[in-house]
């Protein structure tokens, strides 16, 4: 499996959700309502809703690191 890249505040919510299915629940937990604002950037949405962008990106990238680690372990196991 390909390694996921980290996200940044210029990405749209849709781009992030399309990366991996486990990122959508993370967005919701952080306060991002992705159903109506999928094409909005993380930065723009966060500004509108007073969400700490830096913290949100940190949380999402931690989740991505977790997903990458799990897929790496599974790849090693398959070999």
PDB file of N, CA and C in Angstrom:
ATOM      1  N   UNK A   1       0.839  -1.191   0.000  1.00  0.00           N
ATOM      2  CA  UNK A   1       0.000   0.000   0.000  1.00  0.00           C
ATOM      3  C   UNK A   1       0.885   1.257   0.000  1.00  0.00           C
ATOM      4  N   UNK A   2       0.417   2.275  -0.703  1.00  0.00           N
ATOM      5  CA  UNK A   2       1.194   3.516  -0.766  1.00  0.00           C
ATOM      6  C   UNK A   2       1.104   4.285   0.544  1.00  0.00           C
ATOM      7  N   UNK A   3       2.205   4.925   0.868  1.00  0.00           N
ATOM      8  CA  UNK A   3       2.256   5.739   2.069  1.00  0.00           C
ATOM      9  C   UNK A   3       1.473   7.037   1.841  1.00  0.00           C
ATOM     10  N   UNK A   4       0.655   7.420   2.818  1.00  0.00           N
ATOM     11  CA  UNK A   4      -0.110   8.665   2.709  1.00  0.00           C
ATOM     12  C   UNK A   4       0.767   9.855   3.069  1.00  0.00           C
ATOM     13  N   UNK A   5       0.617  10.927   2.318  1.00  0.00           N
ATOM     14  CA  UNK A   5       1.323  12.164   2.632  1.00  0.00           C
ATOM     15  C   UNK A   5       0.570  12.910   3.731  1.00  0.00           C
ATOM     16  N   UNK A   6       1.282  13.785   4.427  1.00  0.00           N
ATOM     17  CA  UNK A   6       0.639  14.615   5.427  1.00  0.00           C
ATOM     18  C   UNK A   6      -0.268  15.642   4.767  1.00  0.00           C
ATOM     19  N   UNK A   7      -1.264  16.089   5.507  1.00  0.00           N
ATOM     20  CA  UNK A   7      -2.189  17.099   5.001  1.00  0.00           C
ATOM     21  C   UNK A   7      -1.713  18.492   5.411  1.00  0.00           C
ATOM     22  N   UNK A   8      -2.261  19.495   4.754  1.00  0.00           N
ATOM     23  CA  UNK A   8      -1.967  20.873   5.126  1.00  0.00           C
ATOM     24  C   UNK A   8      -3.245  21.705   5.048  1.00  0.00           C
ATOM     25  N   UNK A   9      -3.169  22.926   5.555  1.00  0.00           N
ATOM     26  CA  UNK A   9      -4.362  23.774   5.677  1.00  0.00           C
ATOM     27  C   UNK A   9      -4.919  24.252   4.338  1.00  0.00           C
ATOM     28  N   UNK A  10      -4.167  24.073   3.259  1.00  0.00           N
ATOM     29  CA  UNK A  10      -4.643  24.506   1.934  1.00  0.00           C
ATOM     30  C   UNK A  10      -5.445  23.423   1.217  1.00  0.00           C
ATOM     31  N   UNK A  11      -5.487  22.230   1.785  1.00  0.00           N
ATOM     32  CA  UNK A  11      -6.240  21.127   1.176  1.00  0.00           C
ATOM     33  C   UNK A  11      -7.722  21.277   1.474  1.00  0.00           C
ATOM     34  N   UNK A  12      -8.551  20.765   0.551  1.00  0.00           N
ATOM     35  CA  UNK A  12      -9.993  20.792   0.806  1.00  0.00           C
ATOM     36  C   UNK A  12     -10.366  19.605   1.692  1.00  0.00           C
ATOM     37  N   UNK A  13     -11.513  19.722   2.337  1.00  0.00           N
ATOM     38  CA  UNK A  13     -11.990  18.618   3.182  1.00  0.00           C
ATOM     39  C   UNK A  13     -12.183  17.365   2.331  1.00  0.00           C
ATOM     40  N   UNK A  14     -12.680  17.544   1.109  1.00  0.00           N
ATOM     41  CA  UNK A  14     -12.900  16.409   0.206  1.00  0.00           C
ATOM     42  C   UNK A  14     -11.581  15.692  -0.106  1.00  0.00           C
ATOM     43  N   UNK A  15     -10.526  16.457  -0.375  1.00  0.00           N
ATOM     44  CA  UNK A  15      -9.218  15.841  -0.661  1.00  0.00           C
ATOM     45  C   UNK A  15      -8.758  14.987   0.515  1.00  0.00           C
ATOM     46  N   UNK A  16      -8.946  15.506   1.708  1.00  0.00           N
ATOM     47  CA  UNK A  16      -8.515  14.784   2.909  1.00  0.00           C
ATOM     48  C   UNK A  16      -9.355  13.522   3.101  1.00  0.00           C
ATOM     49  N   UNK A  17     -10.672  13.650   2.936  1.00  0.00           N
ATOM     50  CA  UNK A  17     -11.544  12.482   3.111  1.00  0.00           C
ATOM     51  C   UNK A  17     -11.257  11.404   2.071  1.00  0.00           C
ATOM     52  N   UNK A  18     -10.852  11.808   0.879  1.00  0.00           N
ATOM     53  CA  UNK A  18     -10.556  10.840  -0.182  1.00  0.00           C
ATOM     54  C   UNK A  18      -9.247  10.091   0.039  1.00  0.00           C
ATOM     55  N   UNK A  19      -8.391  10.616   0.909  1.00  0.00           N
ATOM     56  CA  UNK A  19      -7.097   9.972   1.160  1.00  0.00           C
ATOM     57  C   UNK A  19      -7.249   8.622   1.855  1.00  0.00           C
ATOM     58  N   UNK A  20      -8.134   8.596   2.862  1.00  0.00           N
ATOM     59  CA  UNK A  20      -8.315   7.385   3.657  1.00  0.00           C
ATOM     60  C   UNK A  20      -9.622   7.507   4.434  1.00  0.00           C
ATOM     61  N   UNK A  21     -10.382   6.431   4.496  1.00  0.00           N
ATOM     62  CA  UNK A  21     -11.700   6.476   5.146  1.00  0.00           C
ATOM     63  C   UNK A  21     -11.629   6.800   6.641  1.00  0.00           C
ATOM     64  N   UNK A  22     -10.507   6.549   7.275  1.00  0.00           N
ATOM     65  CA  UNK A  22     -10.410   6.814   8.719  1.00  0.00           C
ATOM     66  C   UNK A  22     -10.237   8.304   9.029  1.00  0.00           C
ATOM     67  N   UNK A  23     -10.009   9.134   8.003  1.00  0.00           N
ATOM     68  CA  UNK A  23      -9.824  10.567   8.247  1.00  0.00           C
ATOM     69  C   UNK A  23     -11.149  11.316   8.381  1.00  0.00           C
ATOM     70  N   UNK A  24     -12.211  10.788   7.781  1.00  0.00           N
ATOM     71  CA  UNK A  24     -13.510  11.457   7.861  1.00  0.00           C
ATOM     72  C   UNK A  24     -14.019  11.571   9.297  1.00  0.00           C
ATOM     73  N   UNK A  25     -14.026  10.477  10.076  1.00  0.00           N
ATOM     74  CA  UNK A  25     -14.461  10.610  11.475  1.00  0.00           C
ATOM     75  C   UNK A  25     -13.576  11.583  12.271  1.00  0.00           C
ATOM     76  N   UNK A  26     -12.294  11.619  11.945  1.00  0.00           N
ATOM     77  CA  UNK A  26     -11.390  12.559  12.622  1.00  0.00           C
ATOM     78  C   UNK A  26     -11.800  14.002  12.339  1.00  0.00           C
ATOM     79  N   UNK A  27     -12.149  14.283  11.084  1.00  0.00           N
ATOM     80  CA  UNK A  27     -12.598  15.627  10.728  1.00  0.00           C
ATOM     81  C   UNK A  27     -13.841  16.013  11.527  1.00  0.00           C
ATOM     82  N   UNK A  28     -14.793  15.083  11.619  1.00  0.00           N
ATOM     83  CA  UNK A  28     -16.027  15.353  12.366  1.00  0.00           C
ATOM     84  C   UNK A  28     -15.734  15.618  13.837  1.00  0.00           C
ATOM     85  N   UNK A  29     -14.845  14.800  14.420  1.00  0.00           N
ATOM     86  CA  UNK A  29     -14.479  14.984  15.835  1.00  0.00           C
ATOM     87  C   UNK A  29     -13.862  16.350  16.077  1.00  0.00           C
ATOM     88  N   UNK A  30     -13.127  16.851  15.086  1.00  0.00           N
ATOM     89  CA  UNK A  30     -12.473  18.154  15.216  1.00  0.00           C
ATOM     90  C   UNK A  30     -13.431  19.323  14.982  1.00  0.00           C
ATOM     91  N   UNK A  31     -14.656  19.016  14.547  1.00  0.00           N
ATOM     92  CA  UNK A  31     -15.640  20.077  14.336  1.00  0.00           C
ATOM     93  C   UNK A  31     -15.849  20.470  12.886  1.00  0.00           C
ATOM     94  N   UNK A  32     -15.224  19.730  11.974  1.00  0.00           N
ATOM     95  CA  UNK A  32     -15.424  20.019  10.553  1.00  0.00           C
ATOM     96  C   UNK A  32     -16.675  19.312  10.073  1.00  0.00           C
ATOM     97  N   UNK A  33     -17.623  20.082   9.541  1.00  0.00           N
ATOM     98  CA  UNK A  33     -18.860  19.510   9.028  1.00  0.00           C
ATOM     99  C   UNK A  33     -18.678  19.309   7.533  1.00  0.00           C
ATOM    100  N   UNK A  34     -18.180  18.174   7.175  1.00  0.00           N
ATOM    101  CA  UNK A  34     -17.757  17.948   5.793  1.00  0.00           C
ATOM    102  C   UNK A  34     -18.909  17.739   4.819  1.00  0.00           C
ATOM    103  N   UNK A  35     -20.115  17.517   5.300  1.00  0.00           N
ATOM    104  CA  UNK A  35     -21.211  17.236   4.361  1.00  0.00           C
ATOM    105  C   UNK A  35     -21.543  18.450   3.490  1.00  0.00           C
ATOM    106  N   UNK A  36     -21.439  19.640   4.032  1.00  0.00           N
ATOM    107  CA  UNK A  36     -21.819  20.849   3.278  1.00  0.00           C
ATOM    108  C   UNK A  36     -20.626  21.619   2.731  1.00  0.00           C
ATOM    109  N   UNK A  37     -19.450  21.351   3.244  1.00  0.00           N
ATOM    110  CA  UNK A  37     -18.299  22.208   2.930  1.00  0.00           C
ATOM    111  C   UNK A  37     -17.124  21.449   2.342  1.00  0.00           C
ATOM    112  N   UNK A  38     -17.403  20.402   1.611  1.00  0.00           N
ATOM    113  CA  UNK A  38     -16.328  19.533   1.123  1.00  0.00           C
ATOM    114  C   UNK A  38     -15.282  20.250   0.278  1.00  0.00           C
ATOM    115  N   UNK A  39     -15.676  21.289  -0.436  1.00  0.00           N
ATOM    116  CA  UNK A  39     -14.743  21.959  -1.328  1.00  0.00           C
ATOM    117  C   UNK A  39     -14.005  23.107  -0.639  1.00  0.00           C
ATOM    118  N   UNK A  40     -14.334  23.342   0.607  1.00  0.00           N
ATOM    119  CA  UNK A  40     -13.666  24.398   1.359  1.00  0.00           C
ATOM    120  C   UNK A  40     -12.319  23.889   1.873  1.00  0.00           C
ATOM    121  N   UNK A  41     -11.349  24.793   1.975  1.00  0.00           N
ATOM    122  CA  UNK A  41     -10.056  24.375   2.521  1.00  0.00           C
ATOM    123  C   UNK A  41     -10.181  24.247   4.036  1.00  0.00           C
ATOM    124  N   UNK A  42      -9.282  23.484   4.604  1.00  0.00           N
ATOM    125  CA  UNK A  42      -9.244  23.328   6.062  1.00  0.00           C
ATOM    126  C   UNK A  42      -9.111  24.704   6.710  1.00  0.00           C
ATOM    127  N   UNK A  43      -8.222  25.510   6.146  1.00  0.00           N
ATOM    128  CA  UNK A  43      -7.952  26.839   6.693  1.00  0.00           C
ATOM    129  C   UNK A  43      -9.205  27.729   6.702  1.00  0.00           C
ATOM    130  N   UNK A  44      -9.913  27.785   5.568  1.00  0.00           N
ATOM    131  CA  UNK A  44     -11.109  28.623   5.458  1.00  0.00           C
ATOM    132  C   UNK A  44     -12.210  28.148   6.401  1.00  0.00           C
ATOM    133  N   UNK A  45     -12.446  26.841   6.427  1.00  0.00           N
ATOM    134  CA  UNK A  45     -13.484  26.288   7.290  1.00  0.00           C
ATOM    135  C   UNK A  45     -13.155  26.549   8.759  1.00  0.00           C
ATOM    136  N   UNK A  46     -11.907  26.317   9.110  1.00  0.00           N
ATOM    137  CA  UNK A  46     -11.478  26.495  10.504  1.00  0.00           C
ATOM    138  C   UNK A  46     -11.645  27.945  10.943  1.00  0.00           C
ATOM    139  N   UNK A  47     -11.314  28.861  10.052  1.00  0.00           N
ATOM    140  CA  UNK A  47     -11.439  30.284  10.366  1.00  0.00           C
ATOM    141  C   UNK A  47     -12.902  30.641  10.637  1.00  0.00           C
ATOM    142  N   UNK A  48     -13.816  30.135   9.789  1.00  0.00           N
ATOM    143  CA  UNK A  48     -15.248  30.390   9.953  1.00  0.00           C
ATOM    144  C   UNK A  48     -15.781  29.843  11.274  1.00  0.00           C
ATOM    145  N   UNK A  49     -15.268  28.703  11.681  1.00  0.00           N
ATOM    146  CA  UNK A  49     -15.816  28.004  12.858  1.00  0.00           C
ATOM    147  C   UNK A  49     -14.944  28.133  14.103  1.00  0.00           C
ATOM    148  N   UNK A  50     -13.946  28.998  14.059  1.00  0.00           N
ATOM    149  CA  UNK A  50     -13.030  29.183  15.195  1.00  0.00           C
ATOM    150  C   UNK A  50     -12.370  27.884  15.655  1.00  0.00           C
ATOM    151  N   UNK A  51     -11.937  27.092  14.703  1.00  0.00           N
ATOM    152  CA  UNK A  51     -11.219  25.848  14.993  1.00  0.00           C
ATOM    153  C   UNK A  51      -9.727  26.160  14.872  1.00  0.00           C
ATOM    154  N   UNK A  52      -8.931  25.648  15.792  1.00  0.00           N
ATOM    155  CA  UNK A  52      -7.484  25.848  15.762  1.00  0.00           C
ATOM    156  C   UNK A  52      -6.893  25.021  14.606  1.00  0.00           C
ATOM    157  N   UNK A  53      -6.520  25.704  13.521  1.00  0.00           N
ATOM    158  CA  UNK A  53      -6.031  25.036  12.309  1.00  0.00           C
ATOM    159  C   UNK A  53      -4.789  24.202  12.593  1.00  0.00           C
ATOM    160  N   UNK A  54      -3.839  24.791  13.298  1.00  0.00           N
ATOM    161  CA  UNK A  54      -2.569  24.117  13.581  1.00  0.00           C
ATOM    162  C   UNK A  54      -2.815  22.798  14.332  1.00  0.00           C
ATOM    163  N   UNK A  55      -3.688  22.858  15.328  1.00  0.00           N
ATOM    164  CA  UNK A  55      -4.022  21.672  16.127  1.00  0.00           C
ATOM    165  C   UNK A  55      -4.746  20.631  15.264  1.00  0.00           C
ATOM    166  N   UNK A  56      -5.681  21.087  14.437  1.00  0.00           N
ATOM    167  CA  UNK A  56      -6.439  20.167  13.582  1.00  0.00           C
ATOM    168  C   UNK A  56      -5.512  19.436  12.615  1.00  0.00           C
ATOM    169  N   UNK A  57      -4.586  20.165  11.997  1.00  0.00           N
ATOM    170  CA  UNK A  57      -3.639  19.561  11.058  1.00  0.00           C
ATOM    171  C   UNK A  57      -2.753  18.556  11.795  1.00  0.00           C
ATOM    172  N   UNK A  58      -2.346  18.919  13.005  1.00  0.00           N
ATOM    173  CA  UNK A  58      -1.527  18.029  13.833  1.00  0.00           C
ATOM    174  C   UNK A  58      -2.254  16.711  14.113  1.00  0.00           C
ATOM    175  N   UNK A  59      -3.523  16.814  14.500  1.00  0.00           N
ATOM    176  CA  UNK A  59      -4.334  15.625  14.804  1.00  0.00           C
ATOM    177  C   UNK A  59      -4.492  14.756  13.553  1.00  0.00           C
ATOM    178  N   UNK A  60      -4.800  15.385  12.424  1.00  0.00           N
ATOM    179  CA  UNK A  60      -4.980  14.630  11.178  1.00  0.00           C
ATOM    180  C   UNK A  60      -3.680  13.949  10.749  1.00  0.00           C
ATOM    181  N   UNK A  61      -2.569  14.642  10.877  1.00  0.00           N
ATOM    182  CA  UNK A  61      -1.289  14.054  10.481  1.00  0.00           C
ATOM    183  C   UNK A  61      -0.855  12.933  11.423  1.00  0.00           C
ATOM    184  N   UNK A  62      -1.238  13.027  12.682  1.00  0.00           N
ATOM    185  CA  UNK A  62      -0.971  11.936  13.627  1.00  0.00           C
ATOM    186  C   UNK A  62      -1.755  10.701  13.198  1.00  0.00           C
ATOM    187  N   UNK A  63      -3.004  10.920  12.774  1.00  0.00           N
ATOM    188  CA  UNK A  63      -3.838   9.811  12.293  1.00  0.00           C
ATOM    189  C   UNK A  63      -3.228   9.206  11.028  1.00  0.00           C
ATOM    190  N   UNK A  64      -2.719  10.049  10.145  1.00  0.00           N
ATOM    191  CA  UNK A  64      -2.076   9.564   8.912  1.00  0.00           C
ATOM    192  C   UNK A  64      -0.839   8.741   9.248  1.00  0.00           C
ATOM    193  N   UNK A  65      -0.046   9.197  10.212  1.00  0.00           N
ATOM    194  CA  UNK A  65       1.130   8.421  10.645  1.00  0.00           C
ATOM    195  C   UNK A  65       0.716   7.046  11.152  1.00  0.00           C
ATOM    196  N   UNK A  66      -0.394   7.020  11.888  1.00  0.00           N
ATOM    197  CA  UNK A  66      -0.936   5.765  12.429  1.00  0.00           C
ATOM    198  C   UNK A  66      -1.348   4.828  11.285  1.00  0.00           C
ATOM    199  N   UNK A  67      -2.075   5.362  10.313  1.00  0.00           N
ATOM    200  CA  UNK A  67      -2.520   4.581   9.156  1.00  0.00           C
ATOM    201  C   UNK A  67      -1.305   4.053   8.385  1.00  0.00           C
ATOM    202  N   UNK A  68      -0.303   4.908   8.189  1.00  0.00           N
ATOM    203  CA  UNK A  68       0.915   4.488   7.476  1.00  0.00           C
ATOM    204  C   UNK A  68       1.641   3.379   8.221  1.00  0.00           C
ATOM    205  N   UNK A  69       1.704   3.501   9.538  1.00  0.00           N
ATOM    206  CA  UNK A  69       2.393   2.496  10.345  1.00  0.00           C
ATOM    207  C   UNK A  69       1.665   1.151  10.253  1.00  0.00           C
ATOM    208  N   UNK A  70       0.356   1.189  10.341  1.00  0.00           N
ATOM    209  CA  UNK A  70      -0.435  -0.048  10.263  1.00  0.00           C
ATOM    210  C   UNK A  70      -0.263  -0.698   8.896  1.00  0.00           C
ATOM    211  N   UNK A  71      -0.318   0.098   7.824  1.00  0.00           N
ATOM    212  CA  UNK A  71      -0.192  -0.496   6.493  1.00  0.00           C
ATOM    213  C   UNK A  71       1.219  -1.040   6.272  1.00  0.00           C
ATOM    214  N   UNK A  72       2.210  -0.396   6.873  1.00  0.00           N
ATOM    215  CA  UNK A  72       3.580  -0.887   6.789  1.00  0.00           C
ATOM    216  C   UNK A  72       3.715  -2.232   7.497  1.00  0.00           C
ATOM    217  N   UNK A  73       3.102  -2.323   8.674  1.00  0.00           N
ATOM    218  CA  UNK A  73       3.131  -3.584   9.424  1.00  0.00           C
ATOM    219  C   UNK A  73       2.434  -4.694   8.646  1.00  0.00           C
ATOM    220  N   UNK A  74       1.310  -4.352   8.024  1.00  0.00           N
ATOM    221  CA  UNK A  74       0.575  -5.350   7.232  1.00  0.00           C
ATOM    222  C   UNK A  74       1.383  -5.777   6.010  1.00  0.00           C
ATOM    223  N   UNK A  75       2.063  -4.826   5.376  1.00  0.00           N
ATOM    224  CA  UNK A  75       2.914  -5.157   4.231  1.00  0.00           C
ATOM    225  C   UNK A  75       4.042  -6.105   4.659  1.00  0.00           C
ATOM    226  N   UNK A  76       4.670  -5.793   5.791  1.00  0.00           N
ATOM    227  CA  UNK A  76       5.730  -6.655   6.303  1.00  0.00           C
ATOM    228  C   UNK A  76       5.206  -8.054   6.603  1.00  0.00           C
ATOM    229  N   UNK A  77       4.013  -8.124   7.144  1.00  0.00           N
ATOM    230  CA  UNK A  77       3.404  -9.384   7.508  1.00  0.00           C
ATOM    231  C   UNK A  77       3.115 -10.227   6.262  1.00  0.00           C
ATOM    232  N   UNK A  78       2.692  -9.566   5.196  1.00  0.00           N
ATOM    233  CA  UNK A  78       2.353 -10.264   3.946  1.00  0.00           C
ATOM    234  C   UNK A  78       3.563 -10.833   3.215  1.00  0.00           C
ATOM    235  N   UNK A  79       4.736 -10.303   3.501  1.00  0.00           N
ATOM    236  CA  UNK A  79       5.924 -10.738   2.763  1.00  0.00           C
ATOM    237  C   UNK A  79       6.527 -12.006   3.289  1.00  0.00           C
TER     238      UNK A  79
END
